[in-house]
Amino acid sequence: MGLIDNINKTFDHRIRLGIMSALMVNDDVDFNRLKELLDVTDGNLSSHTKTLENAEYIAIEKSFIGRKPNTRYRMTRKGREAFKKHIEALENLLKKH
């Protein structure tokens, strides 16, 4: 087994890494909070959340608060397992050097 076998390409981008990190420590996070935490544009965040949703790593819930749309994200079980493996692979890689 190679050093980088469990490193997940989906998490290669810092924004996707940030989204997953935020969701590891929160049950769910809404769009505006993620945008604020990661300091990204609407389009940039939408693009990265779509990638994670397509991989089935996050689930998206859309609702209205009053008349304002609200989009919330939560990590799926599949996403949590994949992200943990990714973090462990990074830790193992760092220990080897």
PDB file of N, CA and C in Angstrom:
ATOM      1  N   MET A   1       0.837  -1.188   0.000  1.00  0.00           N
ATOM      2  CA  MET A   1       0.000   0.000   0.000  1.00  0.00           C
ATOM      3  C   MET A   1       0.879   1.248   0.000  1.00  0.00           C
ATOM      4  N   GLY A   2       0.636   2.147  -0.951  1.00  0.00           N
ATOM      5  CA  GLY A   2       1.442   3.356  -1.078  1.00  0.00           C
ATOM      6  C   GLY A   2       1.118   4.390  -0.010  1.00  0.00           C
ATOM      7  N   LEU A   3       2.018   5.330   0.140  1.00  0.00           N
ATOM      8  CA  LEU A   3       1.871   6.392   1.136  1.00  0.00           C
ATOM      9  C   LEU A   3       0.613   7.223   0.931  1.00  0.00           C
ATOM     10  N   ILE A   4       0.211   7.421  -0.309  1.00  0.00           N
ATOM     11  CA  ILE A   4      -0.900   8.337  -0.554  1.00  0.00           C
ATOM     12  C   ILE A   4      -2.177   7.641  -1.033  1.00  0.00           C
ATOM     13  N   ASP A   5      -2.269   6.330  -0.839  1.00  0.00           N
ATOM     14  CA  ASP A   5      -3.437   5.575  -1.310  1.00  0.00           C
ATOM     15  C   ASP A   5      -4.771   6.096  -0.788  1.00  0.00           C
ATOM     16  N   ASN A   6      -4.828   6.486   0.479  1.00  0.00           N
ATOM     17  CA  ASN A   6      -6.102   6.918   1.054  1.00  0.00           C
ATOM     18  C   ASN A   6      -6.329   8.428   0.982  1.00  0.00           C
ATOM     19  N   ILE A   7      -5.442   9.134   0.309  1.00  0.00           N
ATOM     20  CA  ILE A   7      -5.666  10.571   0.138  1.00  0.00           C
ATOM     21  C   ILE A   7      -6.722  10.733  -0.949  1.00  0.00           C
ATOM     22  N   ASN A   8      -7.776  11.450  -0.586  1.00  0.00           N
ATOM     23  CA  ASN A   8      -8.953  11.570  -1.440  1.00  0.00           C
ATOM     24  C   ASN A   8      -8.870  12.834  -2.298  1.00  0.00           C
ATOM     25  N   LYS A   9      -8.868  12.655  -3.603  1.00  0.00           N
ATOM     26  CA  LYS A   9      -8.754  13.785  -4.543  1.00  0.00           C
ATOM     27  C   LYS A   9      -9.899  14.787  -4.372  1.00  0.00           C
ATOM     28  N   THR A  10     -11.050  14.326  -3.939  1.00  0.00           N
ATOM     29  CA  THR A  10     -12.190  15.231  -3.757  1.00  0.00           C
ATOM     30  C   THR A  10     -11.871  16.317  -2.736  1.00  0.00           C
ATOM     31  N   PHE A  11     -11.016  15.987  -1.765  1.00  0.00           N
ATOM     32  CA  PHE A  11     -10.692  16.946  -0.709  1.00  0.00           C
ATOM     33  C   PHE A  11      -9.426  17.750  -1.008  1.00  0.00           C
ATOM     34  N   ASP A  12      -8.911  17.632  -2.220  1.00  0.00           N
ATOM     35  CA  ASP A  12      -7.682  18.331  -2.592  1.00  0.00           C
ATOM     36  C   ASP A  12      -7.782  19.849  -2.500  1.00  0.00           C
ATOM     37  N   HIS A  13      -8.927  20.393  -2.781  1.00  0.00           N
ATOM     38  CA  HIS A  13      -9.079  21.849  -2.804  1.00  0.00           C
ATOM     39  C   HIS A  13      -9.314  22.394  -1.404  1.00  0.00           C
ATOM     40  N   ARG A  14      -8.691  23.506  -1.081  1.00  0.00           N
ATOM     41  CA  ARG A  14      -8.770  24.063   0.274  1.00  0.00           C
ATOM     42  C   ARG A  14     -10.207  24.411   0.674  1.00  0.00           C
ATOM     43  N   ILE A  15     -11.034  24.808  -0.284  1.00  0.00           N
ATOM     44  CA  ILE A  15     -12.422  25.165   0.052  1.00  0.00           C
ATOM     45  C   ILE A  15     -13.216  23.915   0.430  1.00  0.00           C
ATOM     46  N   ARG A  16     -13.033  22.836  -0.324  1.00  0.00           N
ATOM     47  CA  ARG A  16     -13.735  21.588   0.025  1.00  0.00           C
ATOM     48  C   ARG A  16     -13.221  21.040   1.349  1.00  0.00           C
ATOM     49  N   LEU A  17     -11.935  21.177   1.585  1.00  0.00           N
ATOM     50  CA  LEU A  17     -11.356  20.769   2.870  1.00  0.00           C
ATOM     51  C   LEU A  17     -11.984  21.593   3.994  1.00  0.00           C
ATOM     52  N   GLY A  18     -12.151  22.880   3.755  1.00  0.00           N
ATOM     53  CA  GLY A  18     -12.764  23.777   4.748  1.00  0.00           C
ATOM     54  C   GLY A  18     -14.218  23.437   5.010  1.00  0.00           C
ATOM     55  N   ILE A  19     -14.965  23.137   3.956  1.00  0.00           N
ATOM     56  CA  ILE A  19     -16.380  22.763   4.106  1.00  0.00           C
ATOM     57  C   ILE A  19     -16.486  21.511   4.970  1.00  0.00           C
ATOM     58  N   MET A  20     -15.695  20.504   4.626  1.00  0.00           N
ATOM     59  CA  MET A  20     -15.754  19.240   5.366  1.00  0.00           C
ATOM     60  C   MET A  20     -15.298  19.433   6.815  1.00  0.00           C
ATOM     61  N   SER A  21     -14.291  20.247   7.030  1.00  0.00           N
ATOM     62  CA  SER A  21     -13.812  20.512   8.394  1.00  0.00           C
ATOM     63  C   SER A  21     -14.902  21.179   9.220  1.00  0.00           C
ATOM     64  N   ALA A  22     -15.587  22.149   8.634  1.00  0.00           N
ATOM     65  CA  ALA A  22     -16.676  22.837   9.340  1.00  0.00           C
ATOM     66  C   ALA A  22     -17.800  21.863   9.680  1.00  0.00           C
ATOM     67  N   LEU A  23     -18.075  20.944   8.763  1.00  0.00           N
ATOM     68  CA  LEU A  23     -19.164  19.993   8.993  1.00  0.00           C
ATOM     69  C   LEU A  23     -18.782  18.855   9.937  1.00  0.00           C
ATOM     70  N   MET A  24     -17.484  18.640  10.136  1.00  0.00           N
ATOM     71  CA  MET A  24     -17.048  17.627  11.106  1.00  0.00           C
ATOM     72  C   MET A  24     -17.381  18.079  12.533  1.00  0.00           C
ATOM     73  N   VAL A  25     -17.344  19.377  12.771  1.00  0.00           N
ATOM     74  CA  VAL A  25     -17.532  19.893  14.130  1.00  0.00           C
ATOM     75  C   VAL A  25     -18.909  20.531  14.351  1.00  0.00           C
ATOM     76  N   ASN A  26     -19.737  20.596  13.310  1.00  0.00           N
ATOM     77  CA  ASN A  26     -21.095  21.131  13.415  1.00  0.00           C
ATOM     78  C   ASN A  26     -22.053  20.148  12.754  1.00  0.00           C
ATOM     79  N   ASP A  27     -23.226  19.968  13.341  1.00  0.00           N
ATOM     80  CA  ASP A  27     -24.215  19.076  12.730  1.00  0.00           C
ATOM     81  C   ASP A  27     -24.599  19.561  11.341  1.00  0.00           C
ATOM     82  N   ASP A  28     -24.792  20.871  11.233  1.00  0.00           N
ATOM     83  CA  ASP A  28     -25.053  21.465   9.930  1.00  0.00           C
ATOM     84  C   ASP A  28     -24.601  22.921   9.947  1.00  0.00           C
ATOM     85  N   VAL A  29     -24.399  23.460   8.761  1.00  0.00           N
ATOM     86  CA  VAL A  29     -23.952  24.842   8.621  1.00  0.00           C
ATOM     87  C   VAL A  29     -24.698  25.429   7.429  1.00  0.00           C
ATOM     88  N   ASP A  30     -25.156  26.678   7.559  1.00  0.00           N
ATOM     89  CA  ASP A  30     -25.851  27.263   6.419  1.00  0.00           C
ATOM     90  C   ASP A  30     -24.884  27.957   5.461  1.00  0.00           C
ATOM     91  N   PHE A  31     -25.401  28.248   4.283  1.00  0.00           N
ATOM     92  CA  PHE A  31     -24.602  28.796   3.192  1.00  0.00           C
ATOM     93  C   PHE A  31     -23.854  30.067   3.614  1.00  0.00           C
ATOM     94  N   ASN A  32     -24.561  31.005   4.228  1.00  0.00           N
ATOM     95  CA  ASN A  32     -23.921  32.281   4.585  1.00  0.00           C
ATOM     96  C   ASN A  32     -22.821  32.097   5.614  1.00  0.00           C
ATOM     97  N   ARG A  33     -23.029  31.202   6.553  1.00  0.00           N
ATOM     98  CA  ARG A  33     -22.004  30.947   7.575  1.00  0.00           C
ATOM     99  C   ARG A  33     -20.758  30.319   6.935  1.00  0.00           C
ATOM    100  N   LEU A  34     -20.953  29.355   6.047  1.00  0.00           N
ATOM    101  CA  LEU A  34     -19.814  28.746   5.350  1.00  0.00           C
ATOM    102  C   LEU A  34     -19.076  29.789   4.521  1.00  0.00           C
ATOM    103  N   LYS A  35     -19.833  30.621   3.831  1.00  0.00           N
ATOM    104  CA  LYS A  35     -19.242  31.669   2.994  1.00  0.00           C
ATOM    105  C   LYS A  35     -18.374  32.597   3.845  1.00  0.00           C
ATOM    106  N   GLU A  36     -18.893  32.935   5.023  1.00  0.00           N
ATOM    107  CA  GLU A  36     -18.174  33.809   5.954  1.00  0.00           C
ATOM    108  C   GLU A  36     -16.929  33.107   6.503  1.00  0.00           C
ATOM    109  N   LEU A  37     -17.088  31.867   6.944  1.00  0.00           N
ATOM    110  CA  LEU A  37     -15.967  31.103   7.513  1.00  0.00           C
ATOM    111  C   LEU A  37     -14.825  30.941   6.519  1.00  0.00           C
ATOM    112  N   LEU A  38     -15.180  30.658   5.267  1.00  0.00           N
ATOM    113  CA  LEU A  38     -14.171  30.329   4.259  1.00  0.00           C
ATOM    114  C   LEU A  38     -13.746  31.525   3.415  1.00  0.00           C
ATOM    115  N   ASP A  39     -14.464  32.642   3.575  1.00  0.00           N
ATOM    116  CA  ASP A  39     -14.157  33.871   2.837  1.00  0.00           C
ATOM    117  C   ASP A  39     -14.115  33.623   1.324  1.00  0.00           C
ATOM    118  N   VAL A  40     -15.242  33.124   0.801  1.00  0.00           N
ATOM    119  CA  VAL A  40     -15.359  32.809  -0.625  1.00  0.00           C
ATOM    120  C   VAL A  40     -16.604  33.468  -1.214  1.00  0.00           C
ATOM    121  N   THR A  41     -16.662  33.502  -2.533  1.00  0.00           N
ATOM    122  CA  THR A  41     -17.826  34.058  -3.217  1.00  0.00           C
ATOM    123  C   THR A  41     -18.964  33.034  -3.248  1.00  0.00           C
ATOM    124  N   ASP A  42     -20.165  33.517  -3.533  1.00  0.00           N
ATOM    125  CA  ASP A  42     -21.329  32.625  -3.652  1.00  0.00           C
ATOM    126  C   ASP A  42     -21.073  31.531  -4.686  1.00  0.00           C
ATOM    127  N   GLY A  43     -20.613  31.944  -5.862  1.00  0.00           N
ATOM    128  CA  GLY A  43     -20.393  31.002  -6.957  1.00  0.00           C
ATOM    129  C   GLY A  43     -19.340  29.956  -6.622  1.00  0.00           C
ATOM    130  N   ASN A  44     -18.280  30.412  -5.979  1.00  0.00           N
ATOM    131  CA  ASN A  44     -17.197  29.508  -5.593  1.00  0.00           C
ATOM    132  C   ASN A  44     -17.700  28.470  -4.599  1.00  0.00           C
ATOM    133  N   LEU A  45     -18.428  28.920  -3.584  1.00  0.00           N
ATOM    134  CA  LEU A  45     -18.953  28.002  -2.579  1.00  0.00           C
ATOM    135  C   LEU A  45     -19.952  27.037  -3.209  1.00  0.00           C
ATOM    136  N   SER A  46     -20.825  27.541  -4.060  1.00  0.00           N
ATOM    137  CA  SER A  46     -21.820  26.689  -4.730  1.00  0.00           C
ATOM    138  C   SER A  46     -21.153  25.589  -5.536  1.00  0.00           C
ATOM    139  N   SER A  47     -20.121  25.950  -6.257  1.00  0.00           N
ATOM    140  CA  SER A  47     -19.395  24.987  -7.086  1.00  0.00           C
ATOM    141  C   SER A  47     -18.799  23.859  -6.235  1.00  0.00           C
ATOM    142  N   HIS A  48     -18.185  24.213  -5.126  1.00  0.00           N
ATOM    143  CA  HIS A  48     -17.533  23.210  -4.276  1.00  0.00           C
ATOM    144  C   HIS A  48     -18.539  22.366  -3.496  1.00  0.00           C
ATOM    145  N   THR A  49     -19.632  22.972  -3.059  1.00  0.00           N
ATOM    146  CA  THR A  49     -20.645  22.171  -2.359  1.00  0.00           C
ATOM    147  C   THR A  49     -21.300  21.197  -3.335  1.00  0.00           C
ATOM    148  N   LYS A  50     -21.457  21.604  -4.587  1.00  0.00           N
ATOM    149  CA  LYS A  50     -22.035  20.716  -5.604  1.00  0.00           C
ATOM    150  C   LYS A  50     -21.131  19.499  -5.826  1.00  0.00           C
ATOM    151  N   THR A  51     -19.825  19.724  -5.879  1.00  0.00           N
ATOM    152  CA  THR A  51     -18.872  18.614  -6.025  1.00  0.00           C
ATOM    153  C   THR A  51     -19.007  17.627  -4.867  1.00  0.00           C
ATOM    154  N   LEU A  52     -19.094  18.155  -3.654  1.00  0.00           N
ATOM    155  CA  LEU A  52     -19.218  17.297  -2.477  1.00  0.00           C
ATOM    156  C   LEU A  52     -20.575  16.595  -2.437  1.00  0.00           C
ATOM    157  N   GLU A  53     -21.612  17.286  -2.898  1.00  0.00           N
ATOM    158  CA  GLU A  53     -22.942  16.668  -2.960  1.00  0.00           C
ATOM    159  C   GLU A  53     -22.954  15.538  -3.992  1.00  0.00           C
ATOM    160  N   ASN A  54     -22.351  15.773  -5.141  1.00  0.00           N
ATOM    161  CA  ASN A  54     -22.298  14.744  -6.192  1.00  0.00           C
ATOM    162  C   ASN A  54     -21.552  13.497  -5.729  1.00  0.00           C
ATOM    163  N   ALA A  55     -20.567  13.679  -4.858  1.00  0.00           N
ATOM    164  CA  ALA A  55     -19.814  12.547  -4.299  1.00  0.00           C
ATOM    165  C   ALA A  55     -20.586  11.886  -3.148  1.00  0.00           C
ATOM    166  N   GLU A  56     -21.743  12.476  -2.802  1.00  0.00           N
ATOM    167  CA  GLU A  56     -22.578  12.007  -1.687  1.00  0.00           C
ATOM    168  C   GLU A  56     -21.879  12.153  -0.342  1.00  0.00           C
ATOM    169  N   TYR A  57     -21.010  13.156  -0.229  1.00  0.00           N
ATOM    170  CA  TYR A  57     -20.303  13.426   1.020  1.00  0.00           C
ATOM    171  C   TYR A  57     -21.058  14.424   1.886  1.00  0.00           C
ATOM    172  N   ILE A  58     -21.894  15.252   1.263  1.00  0.00           N
ATOM    173  CA  ILE A  58     -22.725  16.176   2.022  1.00  0.00           C
ATOM    174  C   ILE A  58     -24.153  16.114   1.490  1.00  0.00           C
ATOM    175  N   ALA A  59     -25.088  16.491   2.344  1.00  0.00           N
ATOM    176  CA  ALA A  59     -26.485  16.596   1.937  1.00  0.00           C
ATOM    177  C   ALA A  59     -26.879  18.065   2.045  1.00  0.00           C
ATOM    178  N   ILE A  60     -27.708  18.499   1.123  1.00  0.00           N
ATOM    179  CA  ILE A  60     -28.138  19.888   1.080  1.00  0.00           C
ATOM    180  C   ILE A  60     -29.624  19.938   1.375  1.00  0.00           C
ATOM    181  N   GLU A  61     -29.987  20.845   2.262  1.00  0.00           N
ATOM    182  CA  GLU A  61     -31.391  21.035   2.618  1.00  0.00           C
ATOM    183  C   GLU A  61     -31.771  22.486   2.364  1.00  0.00           C
ATOM    184  N   LYS A  62     -32.746  22.683   1.501  1.00  0.00           N
ATOM    185  CA  LYS A  62     -33.190  24.040   1.175  1.00  0.00           C
ATOM    186  C   LYS A  62     -34.540  24.280   1.829  1.00  0.00           C
ATOM    187  N   SER A  63     -34.686  25.457   2.435  1.00  0.00           N
ATOM    188  CA  SER A  63     -35.943  25.817   3.077  1.00  0.00           C
ATOM    189  C   SER A  63     -36.095  27.337   3.024  1.00  0.00           C
ATOM    190  N   PHE A  64     -37.135  27.830   3.635  1.00  0.00           N
ATOM    191  CA  PHE A  64     -37.333  29.274   3.732  1.00  0.00           C
ATOM    192  C   PHE A  64     -37.420  29.662   5.195  1.00  0.00           C
ATOM    193  N   ILE A  65     -36.790  30.753   5.528  1.00  0.00           N
ATOM    194  CA  ILE A  65     -36.936  31.350   6.846  1.00  0.00           C
ATOM    195  C   ILE A  65     -37.649  32.665   6.569  1.00  0.00           C
ATOM    196  N   GLY A  66     -38.940  32.686   6.905  1.00  0.00           N
ATOM    197  CA  GLY A  66     -39.770  33.804   6.460  1.00  0.00           C
ATOM    198  C   GLY A  66     -39.858  33.705   4.949  1.00  0.00           C
ATOM    199  N   ARG A  67     -39.473  34.745   4.263  1.00  0.00           N
ATOM    200  CA  ARG A  67     -39.487  34.721   2.795  1.00  0.00           C
ATOM    201  C   ARG A  67     -38.105  34.516   2.198  1.00  0.00           C
ATOM    202  N   LYS A  68     -37.113  34.383   3.063  1.00  0.00           N
ATOM    203  CA  LYS A  68     -35.734  34.244   2.572  1.00  0.00           C
ATOM    204  C   LYS A  68     -35.349  32.780   2.424  1.00  0.00           C
ATOM    205  N   PRO A  69     -34.781  32.434   1.265  1.00  0.00           N
ATOM    206  CA  PRO A  69     -34.310  31.052   1.107  1.00  0.00           C
ATOM    207  C   PRO A  69     -33.133  30.779   2.037  1.00  0.00           C
ATOM    208  N   ASN A  70     -33.074  29.565   2.542  1.00  0.00           N
ATOM    209  CA  ASN A  70     -31.984  29.168   3.424  1.00  0.00           C
ATOM    210  C   ASN A  70     -31.481  27.801   2.964  1.00  0.00           C
ATOM    211  N   THR A  71     -30.179  27.706   2.749  1.00  0.00           N
ATOM    212  CA  THR A  71     -29.560  26.451   2.332  1.00  0.00           C
ATOM    213  C   THR A  71     -28.641  25.986   3.445  1.00  0.00           C
ATOM    214  N   ARG A  72     -28.873  24.767   3.907  1.00  0.00           N
ATOM    215  CA  ARG A  72     -28.056  24.186   4.975  1.00  0.00           C
ATOM    216  C   ARG A  72     -27.368  22.931   4.451  1.00  0.00           C
ATOM    217  N   TYR A  73     -26.185  22.680   4.987  1.00  0.00           N
ATOM    218  CA  TYR A  73     -25.389  21.520   4.579  1.00  0.00           C
ATOM    219  C   TYR A  73     -25.108  20.666   5.799  1.00  0.00           C
ATOM    220  N   ARG A  74     -25.109  19.360   5.596  1.00  0.00           N
ATOM    221  CA  ARG A  74     -24.671  18.445   6.651  1.00  0.00           C
ATOM    222  C   ARG A  74     -23.861  17.332   5.996  1.00  0.00           C
ATOM    223  N   MET A  75     -22.978  16.755   6.788  1.00  0.00           N
ATOM    224  CA  MET A  75     -22.137  15.685   6.282  1.00  0.00           C
ATOM    225  C   MET A  75     -22.916  14.368   6.318  1.00  0.00           C
ATOM    226  N   THR A  76     -22.783  13.576   5.284  1.00  0.00           N
ATOM    227  CA  THR A  76     -23.399  12.246   5.262  1.00  0.00           C
ATOM    228  C   THR A  76     -22.477  11.257   5.973  1.00  0.00           C
ATOM    229  N   ARG A  77     -22.988  10.090   6.260  1.00  0.00           N
ATOM    230  CA  ARG A  77     -22.152   9.045   6.876  1.00  0.00           C
ATOM    231  C   ARG A  77     -20.990   8.707   5.938  1.00  0.00           C
ATOM    232  N   LYS A  78     -21.299   8.586   4.649  1.00  0.00           N
ATOM    233  CA  LYS A  78     -20.261   8.297   3.645  1.00  0.00           C
ATOM    234  C   LYS A  78     -19.188   9.387   3.654  1.00  0.00           C
ATOM    235  N   GLY A  79     -19.621  10.638   3.752  1.00  0.00           N
ATOM    236  CA  GLY A  79     -18.688  11.764   3.776  1.00  0.00           C
ATOM    237  C   GLY A  79     -17.810  11.750   5.007  1.00  0.00           C
ATOM    238  N   ARG A  80     -18.425  11.453   6.157  1.00  0.00           N
ATOM    239  CA  ARG A  80     -17.670  11.411   7.418  1.00  0.00           C
ATOM    240  C   ARG A  80     -16.595  10.323   7.357  1.00  0.00           C
ATOM    241  N   GLU A  81     -16.956   9.150   6.846  1.00  0.00           N
ATOM    242  CA  GLU A  81     -15.984   8.048   6.739  1.00  0.00           C
ATOM    243  C   GLU A  81     -14.859   8.397   5.765  1.00  0.00           C
ATOM    244  N   ALA A  82     -15.219   8.961   4.624  1.00  0.00           N
ATOM    245  CA  ALA A  82     -14.210   9.319   3.615  1.00  0.00           C
ATOM    246  C   ALA A  82     -13.273  10.403   4.148  1.00  0.00           C
ATOM    247  N   PHE A  83     -13.833  11.388   4.849  1.00  0.00           N
ATOM    248  CA  PHE A  83     -13.015  12.487   5.361  1.00  0.00           C
ATOM    249  C   PHE A  83     -12.083  11.995   6.462  1.00  0.00           C
ATOM    250  N   LYS A  84     -12.583  11.111   7.328  1.00  0.00           N
ATOM    251  CA  LYS A  84     -11.724  10.555   8.381  1.00  0.00           C
ATOM    252  C   LYS A  84     -10.562   9.780   7.771  1.00  0.00           C
ATOM    253  N   LYS A  85     -10.839   8.976   6.751  1.00  0.00           N
ATOM    254  CA  LYS A  85      -9.772   8.230   6.072  1.00  0.00           C
ATOM    255  C   LYS A  85      -8.749   9.183   5.462  1.00  0.00           C
ATOM    256  N   HIS A  86      -9.237  10.263   4.870  1.00  0.00           N
ATOM    257  CA  HIS A  86      -8.363  11.257   4.248  1.00  0.00           C
ATOM    258  C   HIS A  86      -7.448  11.889   5.299  1.00  0.00           C
ATOM    259  N   ILE A  87      -8.025  12.301   6.421  1.00  0.00           N
ATOM    260  CA  ILE A  87      -7.238  12.935   7.495  1.00  0.00           C
ATOM    261  C   ILE A  87      -6.210  11.944   8.051  1.00  0.00           C
ATOM    262  N   GLU A  88      -6.627  10.696   8.250  1.00  0.00           N
ATOM    263  CA  GLU A  88      -5.687   9.672   8.744  1.00  0.00           C
ATOM    264  C   GLU A  88      -4.551   9.461   7.752  1.00  0.00           C
ATOM    265  N   ALA A  89      -4.870   9.465   6.466  1.00  0.00           N
ATOM    266  CA  ALA A  89      -3.836   9.291   5.437  1.00  0.00           C
ATOM    267  C   ALA A  89      -2.847  10.452   5.476  1.00  0.00           C
ATOM    268  N   LEU A  90      -3.365  11.675   5.656  1.00  0.00           N
ATOM    269  CA  LEU A  90      -2.471  12.840   5.755  1.00  0.00           C
ATOM    270  C   LEU A  90      -1.588  12.739   6.997  1.00  0.00           C
ATOM    271  N   GLU A  91      -2.192  12.340   8.107  1.00  0.00           N
ATOM    272  CA  GLU A  91      -1.415  12.196   9.346  1.00  0.00           C
ATOM    273  C   GLU A  91      -0.328  11.146   9.181  1.00  0.00           C
ATOM    274  N   ASN A  92      -0.659  10.023   8.554  1.00  0.00           N
ATOM    275  CA  ASN A  92       0.328   8.964   8.325  1.00  0.00           C
ATOM    276  C   ASN A  92       1.447   9.438   7.407  1.00  0.00           C
ATOM    277  N   LEU A  93       1.077  10.218   6.410  1.00  0.00           N
ATOM    278  CA  LEU A  93       2.064  10.755   5.477  1.00  0.00           C
ATOM    279  C   LEU A  93       3.038  11.676   6.231  1.00  0.00           C
ATOM    280  N   LEU A  94       2.496  12.497   7.108  1.00  0.00           N
ATOM    281  CA  LEU A  94       3.333  13.415   7.888  1.00  0.00           C
ATOM    282  C   LEU A  94       4.246  12.660   8.859  1.00  0.00           C
ATOM    283  N   LYS A  95       3.758  11.588   9.444  1.00  0.00           N
ATOM    284  CA  LYS A  95       4.564  10.783  10.380  1.00  0.00           C
ATOM    285  C   LYS A  95       5.735  10.120   9.684  1.00  0.00           C
ATOM    286  N   LYS A  96       5.566   9.801   8.401  1.00  0.00           N
ATOM    287  CA  LYS A  96       6.610   9.091   7.646  1.00  0.00           C
ATOM    288  C   LYS A  96       7.792  10.012   7.312  1.00  0.00           C
ATOM    289  N   HIS A  97       7.574  11.316   7.415  1.00  0.00           N
ATOM    290  CA  HIS A  97       8.642  12.237   6.986  1.00  0.00           C
ATOM    291  C   HIS A  97       9.178  13.053   8.107  1.00  0.00           C
TER     292      HIS A  97
END
